[in-house]
Amino acid sequence: MNRKNKITIFLLSLLLIAGAYFYIEYYNTSHIDINNVSTEISTDSQKLTASFINDENDANLIYKDKIVEVIGVVKEVTFLNDRNTIVLEGDNKNSSVLCDMQSDQFKMVKNLKKGQKIELKGVCKGFLKDVILLNCMLINQ
């Protein structure tokens, strides 16, 4: 084999290993059964969004990839592409907490109303314009 083929094989192998690593990491965090995992941090939606707005780096250290229990007021409920999402009011009009719900929560989510106070928990994945929680489930509903 010439040098060019060896480099190509090496780079493809490296790419395959990196892809496998990221797939495994994604699979492990996206398939957590929140019901069987204890809450690491409890807060409300306004404090959660304020933490990220005031100091995103510090908030990432506190909340990111942790099981967070949040109390908040429903701003919106959406059902799009077989996904149920609850939007909780944040610290201001421009930020919210986006809660991507587990599929088994559909019956409870469809009964929620705007302005209703709820409690849920999920995995905090960080902040874009809103705080993102994945694999969420309602508590005490």
Protein backbone atom coordinates (compact mmCIF):
# COMPACT_ATOMS: atom_id res chain seq x y z
CA MET A 1 0.00 0.00 0.00
CA ASN A 2 1.21 3.46 -0.74
CA ARG A 3 1.39 6.29 1.76
CA LYS A 4 -1.80 7.98 0.52
CA ASN A 5 -3.90 4.82 1.09
CA LYS A 6 -2.48 4.36 4.60
CA ILE A 7 -3.38 7.93 5.53
CA THR A 8 -6.89 7.51 4.09
CA ILE A 9 -7.46 4.28 6.04
CA PHE A 10 -6.14 5.89 9.22
CA LEU A 11 -8.44 8.92 8.87
CA LEU A 12 -11.48 6.77 8.11
CA SER A 13 -10.73 4.58 11.13
CA LEU A 14 -10.39 7.66 13.32
CA LEU A 15 -13.69 9.03 11.99
CA LEU A 16 -15.43 5.70 12.64
CA ILE A 17 -14.14 5.56 16.23
CA ALA A 18 -15.22 9.16 16.90
CA GLY A 19 -18.65 8.49 15.40
CA ALA A 20 -19.12 5.38 17.53
CA TYR A 21 -18.10 7.29 20.67
CA PHE A 22 -20.59 10.12 20.04
CA TYR A 23 -23.37 7.67 19.16
CA ILE A 24 -22.83 5.76 22.41
CA GLU A 25 -22.76 9.00 24.43
CA TYR A 26 -25.97 10.23 22.79
CA TYR A 27 -27.68 6.86 23.20
CA ASN A 28 -26.83 6.69 26.90
CA THR A 29 -28.19 10.17 27.68
CA SER A 30 -31.23 10.06 25.45
CA HIS A 31 -32.61 6.79 26.81
CA ILE A 32 -32.50 7.46 30.53
CA ASP A 33 -35.63 6.34 32.35
CA ILE A 34 -36.19 9.45 34.45
CA ASN A 35 -38.70 7.60 36.61
CA ASN A 36 -35.93 5.38 38.01
CA VAL A 37 -33.33 8.12 38.54
CA SER A 38 -33.25 10.38 41.58
CA THR A 39 -33.38 14.15 41.23
CA GLU A 40 -30.03 15.90 41.59
CA ILE A 41 -31.25 19.53 41.71
CA SER A 42 -34.66 21.09 42.42
CA THR A 43 -35.54 24.62 41.32
CA ASP A 44 -38.22 26.67 39.62
CA SER A 45 -38.31 27.73 35.98
CA GLN A 46 -37.63 31.40 36.70
CA LYS A 47 -34.52 30.71 38.79
CA LEU A 48 -33.30 28.19 36.22
CA THR A 49 -33.52 30.61 33.29
CA ALA A 50 -32.09 33.47 35.37
CA SER A 51 -29.06 31.32 36.24
CA PHE A 52 -28.29 30.73 32.57
CA ILE A 53 -28.95 34.34 31.55
CA ASN A 54 -26.75 35.76 34.33
CA ASP A 55 -23.80 33.37 33.94
CA GLU A 56 -24.15 30.59 31.39
CA ASN A 57 -20.78 29.00 32.17
CA ASP A 58 -21.52 28.77 35.88
CA ALA A 59 -25.05 27.47 35.21
CA ASN A 60 -23.66 24.79 32.88
CA LEU A 61 -21.41 23.58 35.70
CA ILE A 62 -24.39 23.39 38.05
CA TYR A 63 -27.16 22.02 35.80
CA LYS A 64 -25.84 20.52 32.56
CA ASP A 65 -26.37 16.74 32.22
CA LYS A 66 -27.99 16.62 35.67
CA ILE A 67 -31.48 15.36 36.56
CA VAL A 68 -33.32 18.59 37.37
CA GLU A 69 -36.75 18.88 38.97
CA VAL A 70 -38.50 22.09 37.93
CA ILE A 71 -41.67 23.80 39.11
CA GLY A 72 -43.13 26.29 36.67
CA VAL A 73 -46.13 27.77 34.91
CA VAL A 74 -47.14 26.36 31.52
CA LYS A 75 -46.61 28.93 28.78
CA GLU A 76 -47.38 26.60 25.86
CA VAL A 77 -47.86 22.92 25.01
CA THR A 78 -46.95 21.66 21.53
CA PHE A 79 -47.45 18.36 19.73
CA LEU A 80 -45.24 18.28 16.64
CA ASN A 81 -43.64 15.36 14.78
CA ASP A 82 -44.66 12.84 17.46
CA ARG A 83 -42.93 14.97 20.11
CA ASN A 84 -44.64 16.51 23.12
CA THR A 85 -43.06 19.71 24.37
CA ILE A 86 -44.03 21.82 27.34
CA VAL A 87 -42.76 25.39 27.46
CA LEU A 88 -42.50 26.83 30.98
CA GLU A 89 -42.39 30.56 31.70
CA GLY A 90 -38.89 31.83 32.34
CA ASP A 91 -37.33 34.78 34.08
CA ASN A 92 -38.35 37.16 31.28
CA LYS A 93 -40.47 37.22 28.11
CA ASN A 94 -37.58 36.18 25.87
CA SER A 95 -36.52 32.98 27.62
CA SER A 96 -38.31 29.85 28.72
CA VAL A 97 -37.68 26.27 29.73
CA LEU A 98 -38.32 23.84 26.84
CA CYS A 99 -39.25 20.42 28.20
CA ASP A 100 -39.16 17.59 25.65
CA MET A 101 -41.43 14.97 27.19
CA GLN A 102 -41.10 11.19 27.18
CA SER A 103 -43.57 9.58 24.79
CA ASP A 104 -45.42 7.78 27.60
CA GLN A 105 -46.43 11.18 29.03
CA PHE A 106 -48.78 12.05 26.13
CA LYS A 107 -52.08 11.48 27.96
CA MET A 108 -51.04 13.69 30.88
CA VAL A 109 -49.48 16.38 28.68
CA LYS A 110 -52.57 16.79 26.49
CA ASN A 111 -54.63 17.71 29.57
CA LEU A 112 -52.36 20.60 30.59
CA LYS A 113 -53.59 24.17 30.23
CA LYS A 114 -51.77 27.45 29.73
CA GLY A 115 -51.17 29.11 33.11
CA GLN A 116 -51.27 25.81 35.02
CA LYS A 117 -48.53 25.29 37.62
CA ILE A 118 -46.73 21.95 37.15
CA GLU A 119 -43.75 20.01 38.41
CA LEU A 120 -41.56 17.88 36.15
CA LYS A 121 -38.08 16.48 35.93
CA GLY A 122 -35.68 15.86 33.08
CA VAL A 123 -32.07 15.99 31.94
CA CYS A 124 -30.78 19.54 31.51
CA LYS A 125 -28.85 19.82 28.24
CA GLY A 126 -27.95 23.50 28.45
CA PHE A 127 -29.07 26.85 27.11
CA LEU A 128 -29.55 28.29 23.65
CA LYS A 129 -32.17 31.03 23.93
CA ASP A 130 -34.11 28.81 26.30
CA VAL A 131 -33.10 26.17 28.83
CA ILE A 132 -33.44 22.69 27.29
CA LEU A 133 -34.66 19.68 29.31
CA LEU A 134 -34.90 16.25 27.66
CA ASN A 135 -36.66 13.00 28.63
CA CYS A 136 -39.02 14.89 30.92
CA MET A 137 -41.82 13.41 32.94
CA LEU A 138 -44.55 15.07 34.96
CA ILE A 139 -44.50 14.62 38.72
CA ASN A 140 -47.64 14.43 40.87
CA GLN A 141 -50.07 14.81 37.96
